[in-house]
Amino acid sequence: MKIEAVRKENRLVFLAMGEVYARQAIYALLSLLKVYRIKLPRSLHVVVYTDTPALFSQLQEVISLELVYLSNEKFSSWKGDKQQLFRTKIRLLQEMSNAGQGSIVYADTDIIFYKKVDKLFSWLNKGNTLLHTKEATLSTEGFQTYCDSFCGRQFTLASERSIDILDSHYMWNAGVIGLPRSKFSLVDDVLELNDRLLAINDLRLVEQLAFSVVLAVSSSLRECHDVIFHYCWNGGKDKMDEQIKQLLRDYSSDGVGAPVKHLDKYKVYYPSTKEKLVYFSNPRNFVAMLKRKLSYLLK
């Protein structure tokens, strides 16, 4: 396939450093193949940045899959001076934005596709942006530290865009990020805002807040949790990895079709009823859930 043709295609991008994340990305792609019955759209090009490209070789037989080797040195440089892990997502999107013209959907590796992604790219090609889930406003108790640290501050960015951090801004889950070609320049604003917020308080979800605010004030932002499931809760990833390893062990020599066919035997880990009750017994978590439910009803 010619490089120039690829660069104009819609791109689905993963960052998979280390074997655990590589296995998660493989499982995610198997779930995508299941949704499409093995045959992905010709317009969809998958890109995986990874330090373990050999693990993906079998998938290249059925997917337009570009494997980009990412060294630990470059990955570390993407984290910046404070070695912020999630900053690497912003730097990856910067690199992808400079390399092509089609819309981009970045996804964390701990995701599973429920539905075809055609709808997502249709939204993007109309100029919308995407994040995974609208969680809660910064005024919600669960985000109090973020509100105390950043709300009421104004930032004028190099692009001359003015950003006010308000307690009415929503924190969005950035496990999926979608950008149309017309909005690629916003990634530079996200990186600058991320770094300036980080200098004030290096909280874990600063990157997510930067995406949430910049995309919300500069574009028409939509959710995509009905298409992509994100199993990002504590404990879920470890239990899910055991399922993935077993699946790949059982069908490692049978071609890509076999694990796709038997994917449903290796269930995604969901919290038990007991775990849910413990989680929502915390008033902060319960109130955040109620606010999120209410925001859906008021749409």
C-alpha atoms as a PDB file:
ATOM      1  CA  MET A   1       0.000   0.000   0.000  1.00  0.00           C
ATOM      2  CA  LYS A   2       1.388   3.415  -0.943  1.00  0.00           C
ATOM      3  CA  ILE A   3       2.214   5.698   1.939  1.00  0.00           C
ATOM      4  CA  GLU A   4       0.470   8.688   0.356  1.00  0.00           C
ATOM      5  CA  ALA A   5      -2.782   6.693   0.106  1.00  0.00           C
ATOM      6  CA  VAL A   6      -2.529   5.598   3.725  1.00  0.00           C
ATOM      7  CA  ARG A   7      -2.040   9.144   4.975  1.00  0.00           C
ATOM      8  CA  LYS A   8      -5.439  10.204   3.679  1.00  0.00           C
ATOM      9  CA  GLU A   9      -7.267   7.359   5.387  1.00  0.00           C
ATOM     10  CA  ASN A  10      -9.110   7.372   8.683  1.00  0.00           C
ATOM     11  CA  ARG A  11      -6.683   6.212  11.346  1.00  0.00           C
ATOM     12  CA  LEU A  12      -7.285   4.214  14.521  1.00  0.00           C
ATOM     13  CA  VAL A  13      -4.287   4.626  16.810  1.00  0.00           C
ATOM     14  CA  PHE A  14      -2.994   2.750  19.870  1.00  0.00           C
ATOM     15  CA  LEU A  15      -0.025   3.327  22.171  1.00  0.00           C
ATOM     16  CA  ALA A  16       1.066  -0.063  23.521  1.00  0.00           C
ATOM     17  CA  MET A  17       4.306   0.002  25.496  1.00  0.00           C
ATOM     18  CA  GLY A  18       5.087  -3.268  27.274  1.00  0.00           C
ATOM     19  CA  GLU A  19       3.607  -6.729  26.809  1.00  0.00           C
ATOM     20  CA  VAL A  20       0.532  -6.176  29.003  1.00  0.00           C
ATOM     21  CA  TYR A  21      -0.553  -3.162  26.960  1.00  0.00           C
ATOM     22  CA  ALA A  22       0.320  -4.930  23.724  1.00  0.00           C
ATOM     23  CA  ARG A  23      -1.937  -7.846  24.690  1.00  0.00           C
ATOM     24  CA  GLN A  24      -4.725  -5.410  25.525  1.00  0.00           C
ATOM     25  CA  ALA A  25      -4.354  -3.744  22.117  1.00  0.00           C
ATOM     26  CA  ILE A  26      -4.436  -7.148  20.396  1.00  0.00           C
ATOM     27  CA  TYR A  27      -7.635  -8.043  22.241  1.00  0.00           C
ATOM     28  CA  ALA A  28      -9.150  -4.688  21.290  1.00  0.00           C
ATOM     29  CA  LEU A  29      -8.344  -5.321  17.627  1.00  0.00           C
ATOM     30  CA  LEU A  30      -9.775  -8.840  17.830  1.00  0.00           C
ATOM     31  CA  SER A  31     -13.003  -7.315  19.149  1.00  0.00           C
ATOM     32  CA  LEU A  32     -12.994  -4.889  16.221  1.00  0.00           C
ATOM     33  CA  LEU A  33     -12.542  -7.782  13.793  1.00  0.00           C
ATOM     34  CA  LYS A  34     -15.457  -9.557  15.465  1.00  0.00           C
ATOM     35  CA  VAL A  35     -17.725  -6.544  14.941  1.00  0.00           C
ATOM     36  CA  TYR A  36     -16.755  -6.380  11.261  1.00  0.00           C
ATOM     37  CA  ARG A  37     -16.742 -10.162  10.753  1.00  0.00           C
ATOM     38  CA  ILE A  38     -12.994 -10.143  10.049  1.00  0.00           C
ATOM     39  CA  LYS A  39     -13.149  -7.676   7.143  1.00  0.00           C
ATOM     40  CA  LEU A  40     -12.389  -4.087   8.158  1.00  0.00           C
ATOM     41  CA  PRO A  41     -13.260  -1.153   5.874  1.00  0.00           C
ATOM     42  CA  ARG A  42     -10.562  -0.406   3.312  1.00  0.00           C
ATOM     43  CA  SER A  43     -10.651   3.230   4.428  1.00  0.00           C
ATOM     44  CA  LEU A  44      -9.552   2.311   7.973  1.00  0.00           C
ATOM     45  CA  HIS A  45      -5.837   2.210   8.725  1.00  0.00           C
ATOM     46  CA  VAL A  46      -4.701   0.989  12.154  1.00  0.00           C
ATOM     47  CA  VAL A  47      -1.478   2.343  13.666  1.00  0.00           C
ATOM     48  CA  VAL A  48       0.153   0.885  16.789  1.00  0.00           C
ATOM     49  CA  TYR A  49       3.115   2.570  18.465  1.00  0.00           C
ATOM     50  CA  THR A  50       4.828  -0.139  20.485  1.00  0.00           C
ATOM     51  CA  ASP A  51       8.107  -1.549  21.754  1.00  0.00           C
ATOM     52  CA  THR A  52       6.908  -5.116  20.989  1.00  0.00           C
ATOM     53  CA  PRO A  53       5.914  -5.061  17.296  1.00  0.00           C
ATOM     54  CA  ALA A  54       6.474  -8.810  16.830  1.00  0.00           C
ATOM     55  CA  LEU A  55       3.414  -9.577  18.974  1.00  0.00           C
ATOM     56  CA  PHE A  56       1.166  -7.981  16.325  1.00  0.00           C
ATOM     57  CA  SER A  57       2.567  -9.723  13.247  1.00  0.00           C
ATOM     58  CA  GLN A  58      -0.328 -12.181  12.879  1.00  0.00           C
ATOM     59  CA  LEU A  59      -2.865  -9.345  12.800  1.00  0.00           C
ATOM     60  CA  GLN A  60      -1.120  -7.808   9.798  1.00  0.00           C
ATOM     61  CA  GLU A  61      -2.480 -10.695   7.729  1.00  0.00           C
ATOM     62  CA  VAL A  62      -6.041  -9.328   7.989  1.00  0.00           C
ATOM     63  CA  ILE A  63      -5.710  -5.655   9.023  1.00  0.00           C
ATOM     64  CA  SER A  64      -4.164  -2.640   7.325  1.00  0.00           C
ATOM     65  CA  LEU A  65      -1.834  -2.357  10.299  1.00  0.00           C
ATOM     66  CA  GLU A  66       1.169  -0.078  10.596  1.00  0.00           C
ATOM     67  CA  LEU A  67       3.537  -0.930  13.436  1.00  0.00           C
ATOM     68  CA  VAL A  68       5.739   1.936  14.611  1.00  0.00           C
ATOM     69  CA  TYR A  69       8.585   0.975  16.901  1.00  0.00           C
ATOM     70  CA  LEU A  70       8.735   3.345  19.870  1.00  0.00           C
ATOM     71  CA  SER A  71      11.910   3.258  21.898  1.00  0.00           C
ATOM     72  CA  ASN A  72      11.899   3.665  25.664  1.00  0.00           C
ATOM     73  CA  GLU A  73      14.062   6.757  25.228  1.00  0.00           C
ATOM     74  CA  LYS A  74      11.532   8.499  22.971  1.00  0.00           C
ATOM     75  CA  PHE A  75       8.635   7.362  25.140  1.00  0.00           C
ATOM     76  CA  SER A  76      10.375   8.811  28.188  1.00  0.00           C
ATOM     77  CA  SER A  77      10.997  12.112  26.376  1.00  0.00           C
ATOM     78  CA  TRP A  78       7.281  12.319  25.575  1.00  0.00           C
ATOM     79  CA  LYS A  79       6.556  12.255  29.321  1.00  0.00           C
ATOM     80  CA  GLY A  80       8.321  15.598  29.714  1.00  0.00           C
ATOM     81  CA  ASP A  81      10.239  17.012  32.641  1.00  0.00           C
ATOM     82  CA  LYS A  82       7.772  15.700  35.234  1.00  0.00           C
ATOM     83  CA  GLN A  83       7.614  12.241  33.617  1.00  0.00           C
ATOM     84  CA  GLN A  84       3.841  12.490  33.266  1.00  0.00           C
ATOM     85  CA  LEU A  85       2.659   9.196  31.738  1.00  0.00           C
ATOM     86  CA  PHE A  86      -0.527  10.457  30.095  1.00  0.00           C
ATOM     87  CA  ARG A  87       1.361  13.306  28.392  1.00  0.00           C
ATOM     88  CA  THR A  88       2.578  10.657  25.941  1.00  0.00           C
ATOM     89  CA  LYS A  89      -0.937  10.498  24.438  1.00  0.00           C
ATOM     90  CA  ILE A  90      -0.757  14.186  23.539  1.00  0.00           C
ATOM     91  CA  ARG A  91       2.709  13.831  21.991  1.00  0.00           C
ATOM     92  CA  LEU A  92       1.575  10.776  20.018  1.00  0.00           C
ATOM     93  CA  LEU A  93      -1.377  12.735  18.614  1.00  0.00           C
ATOM     94  CA  GLN A  94       0.955  15.585  17.689  1.00  0.00           C
ATOM     95  CA  GLU A  95       3.116  13.167  15.711  1.00  0.00           C
ATOM     96  CA  MET A  96       0.102  11.553  14.051  1.00  0.00           C
ATOM     97  CA  SER A  97      -1.395  14.962  13.210  1.00  0.00           C
ATOM     98  CA  ASN A  98       1.768  15.960  11.379  1.00  0.00           C
ATOM     99  CA  ALA A  99       1.841  12.707   9.389  1.00  0.00           C
ATOM    100  CA  GLY A 100      -1.558  12.560   7.704  1.00  0.00           C
ATOM    101  CA  GLN A 101      -4.823  14.097   6.606  1.00  0.00           C
ATOM    102  CA  GLY A 102      -7.545  11.617   7.610  1.00  0.00           C
ATOM    103  CA  SER A 103      -9.436  11.823  10.900  1.00  0.00           C
ATOM    104  CA  ILE A 104      -7.849  10.165  13.937  1.00  0.00           C
ATOM    105  CA  VAL A 105      -9.385   8.051  16.699  1.00  0.00           C
ATOM    106  CA  TYR A 106      -6.892   7.365  19.477  1.00  0.00           C
ATOM    107  CA  ALA A 107      -7.901   4.649  21.951  1.00  0.00           C
ATOM    108  CA  ASP A 108      -6.312   3.443  25.172  1.00  0.00           C
ATOM    109  CA  THR A 109      -5.470  -0.245  24.959  1.00  0.00           C
ATOM    110  CA  ASP A 110      -7.941  -1.271  27.700  1.00  0.00           C
ATOM    111  CA  ILE A 111     -10.977  -0.960  25.446  1.00  0.00           C
ATOM    112  CA  ILE A 112     -13.354  -3.246  23.552  1.00  0.00           C
ATOM    113  CA  PHE A 113     -15.395  -2.375  20.487  1.00  0.00           C
ATOM    114  CA  TYR A 114     -19.140  -2.842  20.841  1.00  0.00           C
ATOM    115  CA  LYS A 115     -20.040  -1.528  17.400  1.00  0.00           C
ATOM    116  CA  LYS A 116     -18.536  -0.540  14.083  1.00  0.00           C
ATOM    117  CA  VAL A 117     -16.491   2.646  14.167  1.00  0.00           C
ATOM    118  CA  ASP A 118     -17.972   4.035  10.945  1.00  0.00           C
ATOM    119  CA  LYS A 119     -20.274   6.289  12.989  1.00  0.00           C
ATOM    120  CA  LEU A 120     -17.341   7.753  14.893  1.00  0.00           C
ATOM    121  CA  PHE A 121     -15.495   8.719  11.741  1.00  0.00           C
ATOM    122  CA  SER A 122     -18.715  10.061  10.247  1.00  0.00           C
ATOM    123  CA  TRP A 123     -19.033  12.377  13.266  1.00  0.00           C
ATOM    124  CA  LEU A 124     -15.403  13.420  12.979  1.00  0.00           C
ATOM    125  CA  ASN A 125     -15.628  14.082   9.257  1.00  0.00           C
ATOM    126  CA  LYS A 126     -18.428  16.551  10.045  1.00  0.00           C
ATOM    127  CA  GLY A 127     -16.013  18.516  12.244  1.00  0.00           C
ATOM    128  CA  ASN A 128     -16.953  17.128  15.675  1.00  0.00           C
ATOM    129  CA  THR A 129     -14.421  15.953  18.238  1.00  0.00           C
ATOM    130  CA  LEU A 130     -14.726  12.917  20.523  1.00  0.00           C
ATOM    131  CA  LEU A 131     -13.861  11.916  24.051  1.00  0.00           C
ATOM    132  CA  HIS A 132     -14.991   8.685  25.654  1.00  0.00           C
ATOM    133  CA  THR A 133     -17.355   9.729  28.445  1.00  0.00           C
ATOM    134  CA  LYS A 134     -18.637  12.911  30.062  1.00  0.00           C
ATOM    135  CA  GLU A 135     -17.968  12.255  33.754  1.00  0.00           C
ATOM    136  CA  ALA A 136     -18.855  15.158  36.057  1.00  0.00           C
ATOM    137  CA  THR A 137     -18.275  18.883  36.544  1.00  0.00           C
ATOM    138  CA  LEU A 138     -15.212  20.134  38.368  1.00  0.00           C
ATOM    139  CA  SER A 139     -17.551  21.327  41.126  1.00  0.00           C
ATOM    140  CA  THR A 140     -18.317  17.680  41.937  1.00  0.00           C
ATOM    141  CA  GLU A 141     -16.719  16.504  45.180  1.00  0.00           C
ATOM    142  CA  GLY A 142     -14.618  13.892  43.416  1.00  0.00           C
ATOM    143  CA  PHE A 143     -12.799  16.619  41.479  1.00  0.00           C
ATOM    144  CA  GLN A 144     -12.453  19.084  44.364  1.00  0.00           C
ATOM    145  CA  THR A 145      -8.641  19.108  44.264  1.00  0.00           C
ATOM    146  CA  TYR A 146      -8.702  19.929  40.551  1.00  0.00           C
ATOM    147  CA  CYS A 147     -11.225  22.688  41.125  1.00  0.00           C
ATOM    148  CA  ASP A 148      -9.232  24.151  44.036  1.00  0.00           C
ATOM    149  CA  SER A 149      -6.024  24.066  41.983  1.00  0.00           C
ATOM    150  CA  PHE A 150      -7.234  25.348  38.624  1.00  0.00           C
ATOM    151  CA  CYS A 151     -10.725  26.887  38.673  1.00  0.00           C
ATOM    152  CA  GLY A 152     -10.788  30.673  38.295  1.00  0.00           C
ATOM    153  CA  ARG A 153      -7.525  30.728  36.360  1.00  0.00           C
ATOM    154  CA  GLN A 154      -7.236  32.100  32.835  1.00  0.00           C
ATOM    155  CA  PHE A 155      -4.630  30.978  30.318  1.00  0.00           C
ATOM    156  CA  THR A 156      -3.723  32.718  27.067  1.00  0.00           C
ATOM    157  CA  LEU A 157      -2.059  30.132  24.846  1.00  0.00           C
ATOM    158  CA  ALA A 158       0.502  30.534  22.072  1.00  0.00           C
ATOM    159  CA  SER A 159      -2.343  30.125  19.563  1.00  0.00           C
ATOM    160  CA  GLU A 160      -3.918  33.240  21.163  1.00  0.00           C
ATOM    161  CA  ARG A 161      -6.811  31.099  22.396  1.00  0.00           C
ATOM    162  CA  SER A 162      -7.968  32.202  25.832  1.00  0.00           C
ATOM    163  CA  ILE A 163      -8.961  29.419  28.238  1.00  0.00           C
ATOM    164  CA  ASP A 164     -10.847  30.022  31.492  1.00  0.00           C
ATOM    165  CA  ILE A 165     -11.020  27.046  33.851  1.00  0.00           C
ATOM    166  CA  LEU A 166     -14.503  27.109  35.389  1.00  0.00           C
ATOM    167  CA  ASP A 167     -16.105  24.867  38.006  1.00  0.00           C
ATOM    168  CA  SER A 168     -18.895  24.256  35.471  1.00  0.00           C
ATOM    169  CA  HIS A 169     -16.461  22.584  33.057  1.00  0.00           C
ATOM    170  CA  TYR A 170     -16.878  18.834  32.774  1.00  0.00           C
ATOM    171  CA  MET A 171     -14.079  16.349  33.262  1.00  0.00           C
ATOM    172  CA  TRP A 172     -14.295  13.890  30.371  1.00  0.00           C
ATOM    173  CA  ASN A 173     -12.722  10.454  30.274  1.00  0.00           C
ATOM    174  CA  ALA A 174     -10.005  10.596  27.622  1.00  0.00           C
ATOM    175  CA  GLY A 175      -9.692   6.844  27.063  1.00  0.00           C
ATOM    176  CA  VAL A 176     -10.824   7.601  23.511  1.00  0.00           C
ATOM    177  CA  ILE A 177      -9.928  10.814  21.671  1.00  0.00           C
ATOM    178  CA  GLY A 178     -11.246  11.650  18.213  1.00  0.00           C
ATOM    179  CA  LEU A 179     -10.018  14.506  16.032  1.00  0.00           C
ATOM    180  CA  PRO A 180     -10.988  15.569  12.513  1.00  0.00           C
ATOM    181  CA  ARG A 181      -8.327  17.034  10.240  1.00  0.00           C
ATOM    182  CA  SER A 182      -9.733  20.521  10.813  1.00  0.00           C
ATOM    183  CA  LYS A 183      -9.058  20.266  14.570  1.00  0.00           C
ATOM    184  CA  PHE A 184      -5.527  18.825  14.595  1.00  0.00           C
ATOM    185  CA  SER A 185      -4.096  22.185  15.704  1.00  0.00           C
ATOM    186  CA  LEU A 186      -5.980  21.854  19.009  1.00  0.00           C
ATOM    187  CA  VAL A 187      -3.477  19.204  20.102  1.00  0.00           C
ATOM    188  CA  ASP A 188      -0.828  21.925  20.457  1.00  0.00           C
ATOM    189  CA  ASP A 189      -3.201  23.857  22.721  1.00  0.00           C
ATOM    190  CA  VAL A 190      -3.868  20.718  24.780  1.00  0.00           C
ATOM    191  CA  LEU A 191      -0.137  20.132  25.275  1.00  0.00           C
ATOM    192  CA  GLU A 192       0.525  23.731  26.288  1.00  0.00           C
ATOM    193  CA  LEU A 193      -2.410  23.833  28.708  1.00  0.00           C
ATOM    194  CA  ASN A 194      -1.413  20.435  30.128  1.00  0.00           C
ATOM    195  CA  ASP A 195       2.122  21.623  30.857  1.00  0.00           C
ATOM    196  CA  ARG A 196       0.975  24.887  32.390  1.00  0.00           C
ATOM    197  CA  LEU A 197      -1.538  23.126  34.628  1.00  0.00           C
ATOM    198  CA  LEU A 198       1.118  20.577  35.537  1.00  0.00           C
ATOM    199  CA  ALA A 199       3.402  23.386  36.718  1.00  0.00           C
ATOM    200  CA  ILE A 200       0.672  24.453  39.158  1.00  0.00           C
ATOM    201  CA  ASN A 201      -0.195  20.992  40.471  1.00  0.00           C
ATOM    202  CA  ASP A 202       0.952  17.698  38.946  1.00  0.00           C
ATOM    203  CA  LEU A 203      -2.299  15.837  39.529  1.00  0.00           C
ATOM    204  CA  ARG A 204      -2.828  12.474  37.803  1.00  0.00           C
ATOM    205  CA  LEU A 205      -5.607  13.578  35.428  1.00  0.00           C
ATOM    206  CA  VAL A 206      -4.207  16.936  34.305  1.00  0.00           C
ATOM    207  CA  GLU A 207      -3.896  15.635  30.723  1.00  0.00           C
ATOM    208  CA  GLN A 208      -7.544  14.594  30.789  1.00  0.00           C
ATOM    209  CA  LEU A 209      -8.583  18.022  32.055  1.00  0.00           C
ATOM    210  CA  ALA A 210      -6.587  19.728  29.294  1.00  0.00           C
ATOM    211  CA  PHE A 211      -8.352  17.655  26.626  1.00  0.00           C
ATOM    212  CA  SER A 212     -11.727  18.206  28.314  1.00  0.00           C
ATOM    213  CA  VAL A 213     -11.473  21.992  28.423  1.00  0.00           C
ATOM    214  CA  VAL A 214      -9.757  22.681  25.104  1.00  0.00           C
ATOM    215  CA  LEU A 215     -12.032  20.418  23.060  1.00  0.00           C
ATOM    216  CA  ALA A 216     -15.187  21.590  24.859  1.00  0.00           C
ATOM    217  CA  VAL A 217     -14.540  25.308  24.301  1.00  0.00           C
ATOM    218  CA  SER A 218     -13.105  24.971  20.792  1.00  0.00           C
ATOM    219  CA  SER A 219     -15.277  22.354  19.086  1.00  0.00           C
ATOM    220  CA  SER A 220     -18.498  20.368  19.153  1.00  0.00           C
ATOM    221  CA  LEU A 221     -17.548  17.558  21.547  1.00  0.00           C
ATOM    222  CA  ARG A 222     -19.362  14.212  21.660  1.00  0.00           C
ATOM    223  CA  GLU A 223     -19.211  10.979  23.676  1.00  0.00           C
ATOM    224  CA  CYS A 224     -18.564   7.557  22.158  1.00  0.00           C
ATOM    225  CA  HIS A 225     -19.032   5.153  25.085  1.00  0.00           C
ATOM    226  CA  ASP A 226     -21.896   3.457  23.220  1.00  0.00           C
ATOM    227  CA  VAL A 227     -19.409   2.265  20.572  1.00  0.00           C
ATOM    228  CA  ILE A 228     -16.322   1.585  22.707  1.00  0.00           C
ATOM    229  CA  PHE A 229     -16.233   0.032  26.191  1.00  0.00           C
ATOM    230  CA  HIS A 230     -13.394   1.154  28.489  1.00  0.00           C
ATOM    231  CA  TYR A 231     -12.594  -1.251  31.346  1.00  0.00           C
ATOM    232  CA  CYS A 232     -10.425   1.216  33.227  1.00  0.00           C
ATOM    233  CA  TRP A 233     -11.457   0.583  36.856  1.00  0.00           C
ATOM    234  CA  ASN A 234      -9.078  -0.673  39.540  1.00  0.00           C
ATOM    235  CA  GLY A 235      -8.674  -4.443  39.414  1.00  0.00           C
ATOM    236  CA  GLY A 236     -10.337  -4.788  36.035  1.00  0.00           C
ATOM    237  CA  LYS A 237      -7.150  -4.664  34.011  1.00  0.00           C
ATOM    238  CA  ASP A 238      -5.345  -7.418  35.923  1.00  0.00           C
ATOM    239  CA  LYS A 239      -8.332  -9.762  35.729  1.00  0.00           C
ATOM    240  CA  MET A 240      -8.843  -8.924  32.081  1.00  0.00           C
ATOM    241  CA  ASP A 241      -5.188  -9.618  31.277  1.00  0.00           C
ATOM    242  CA  GLU A 242      -5.547 -13.159  32.592  1.00  0.00           C
ATOM    243  CA  GLN A 243      -8.445 -13.695  30.186  1.00  0.00           C
ATOM    244  CA  ILE A 244      -6.470 -12.274  27.272  1.00  0.00           C
ATOM    245  CA  LYS A 245      -3.395 -14.391  27.993  1.00  0.00           C
ATOM    246  CA  GLN A 246      -5.555 -17.521  28.143  1.00  0.00           C
ATOM    247  CA  LEU A 247      -7.254 -16.663  24.850  1.00  0.00           C
ATOM    248  CA  LEU A 248      -3.948 -16.097  23.078  1.00  0.00           C
ATOM    249  CA  ARG A 249      -2.472 -19.293  24.551  1.00  0.00           C
ATOM    250  CA  ASP A 250      -5.450 -21.383  23.483  1.00  0.00           C
ATOM    251  CA  TYR A 251      -5.499 -20.162  19.878  1.00  0.00           C
ATOM    252  CA  SER A 252      -1.942 -18.944  19.221  1.00  0.00           C
ATOM    253  CA  SER A 253      -1.380 -21.347  16.321  1.00  0.00           C
ATOM    254  CA  ASP A 254      -4.853 -21.313  14.743  1.00  0.00           C
ATOM    255  CA  GLY A 255      -4.790 -18.025  12.820  1.00  0.00           C
ATOM    256  CA  VAL A 256      -6.597 -14.782  13.608  1.00  0.00           C
ATOM    257  CA  GLY A 257     -10.060 -16.185  12.870  1.00  0.00           C
ATOM    258  CA  ALA A 258      -9.980 -18.640  15.793  1.00  0.00           C
ATOM    259  CA  PRO A 259      -9.576 -16.148  18.673  1.00  0.00           C
ATOM    260  CA  VAL A 260     -12.121 -13.854  17.019  1.00  0.00           C
ATOM    261  CA  LYS A 261     -14.615 -16.725  16.796  1.00  0.00           C
ATOM    262  CA  HIS A 262     -14.114 -17.716  20.437  1.00  0.00           C
ATOM    263  CA  LEU A 263     -13.792 -14.210  21.886  1.00  0.00           C
ATOM    264  CA  ASP A 264     -17.026 -14.472  23.884  1.00  0.00           C
ATOM    265  CA  LYS A 265     -15.659 -17.401  25.908  1.00  0.00           C
ATOM    266  CA  TYR A 266     -13.142 -15.029  27.502  1.00  0.00           C
ATOM    267  CA  LYS A 267     -15.408 -12.557  29.189  1.00  0.00           C
ATOM    268  CA  VAL A 268     -14.511  -8.998  29.973  1.00  0.00           C
ATOM    269  CA  TYR A 269     -14.099  -8.521  33.688  1.00  0.00           C
ATOM    270  CA  TYR A 270     -16.998  -6.604  35.248  1.00  0.00           C
ATOM    271  CA  PRO A 271     -17.114  -5.539  38.903  1.00  0.00           C
ATOM    272  CA  SER A 272     -19.133  -7.920  41.075  1.00  0.00           C
ATOM    273  CA  THR A 273     -22.264  -6.723  42.868  1.00  0.00           C
ATOM    274  CA  LYS A 274     -20.257  -6.635  46.092  1.00  0.00           C
ATOM    275  CA  GLU A 275     -17.548  -4.497  44.490  1.00  0.00           C
ATOM    276  CA  LYS A 276     -20.170  -2.094  43.098  1.00  0.00           C
ATOM    277  CA  LEU A 277     -21.821  -1.754  46.513  1.00  0.00           C
ATOM    278  CA  VAL A 278     -18.472  -1.008  48.156  1.00  0.00           C
ATOM    279  CA  TYR A 279     -17.650   1.567  45.467  1.00  0.00           C
ATOM    280  CA  PHE A 280     -20.994   3.382  45.678  1.00  0.00           C
ATOM    281  CA  SER A 281     -21.017   3.278  49.484  1.00  0.00           C
ATOM    282  CA  ASN A 282     -18.572   6.165  49.161  1.00  0.00           C
ATOM    283  CA  PRO A 283     -20.831   9.271  49.025  1.00  0.00           C
ATOM    284  CA  ARG A 284     -18.452  11.011  46.610  1.00  0.00           C
ATOM    285  CA  ASN A 285     -18.751   8.197  44.064  1.00  0.00           C
ATOM    286  CA  PHE A 286     -22.514   7.960  44.509  1.00  0.00           C
ATOM    287  CA  VAL A 287     -23.059  11.707  44.013  1.00  0.00           C
ATOM    288  CA  ALA A 288     -20.798  11.725  40.920  1.00  0.00           C
ATOM    289  CA  MET A 289     -22.849   8.883  39.449  1.00  0.00           C
ATOM    290  CA  LEU A 290     -26.135  10.715  40.103  1.00  0.00           C
ATOM    291  CA  LYS A 291     -24.833  13.908  38.478  1.00  0.00           C
ATOM    292  CA  ARG A 292     -23.685  11.990  35.445  1.00  0.00           C
ATOM    293  CA  LYS A 293     -27.063  10.245  35.097  1.00  0.00           C
ATOM    294  CA  LEU A 294     -28.841  13.587  35.450  1.00  0.00           C
ATOM    295  CA  SER A 295     -26.669  15.188  32.762  1.00  0.00           C
ATOM    296  CA  TYR A 296     -27.740  12.435  30.315  1.00  0.00           C
ATOM    297  CA  LEU A 297     -31.426  13.023  31.114  1.00  0.00           C
ATOM    298  CA  LEU A 298     -31.100  16.777  30.534  1.00  0.00           C
ATOM    299  CA  LYS A 299     -29.465  16.425  27.099  1.00  0.00           C
END
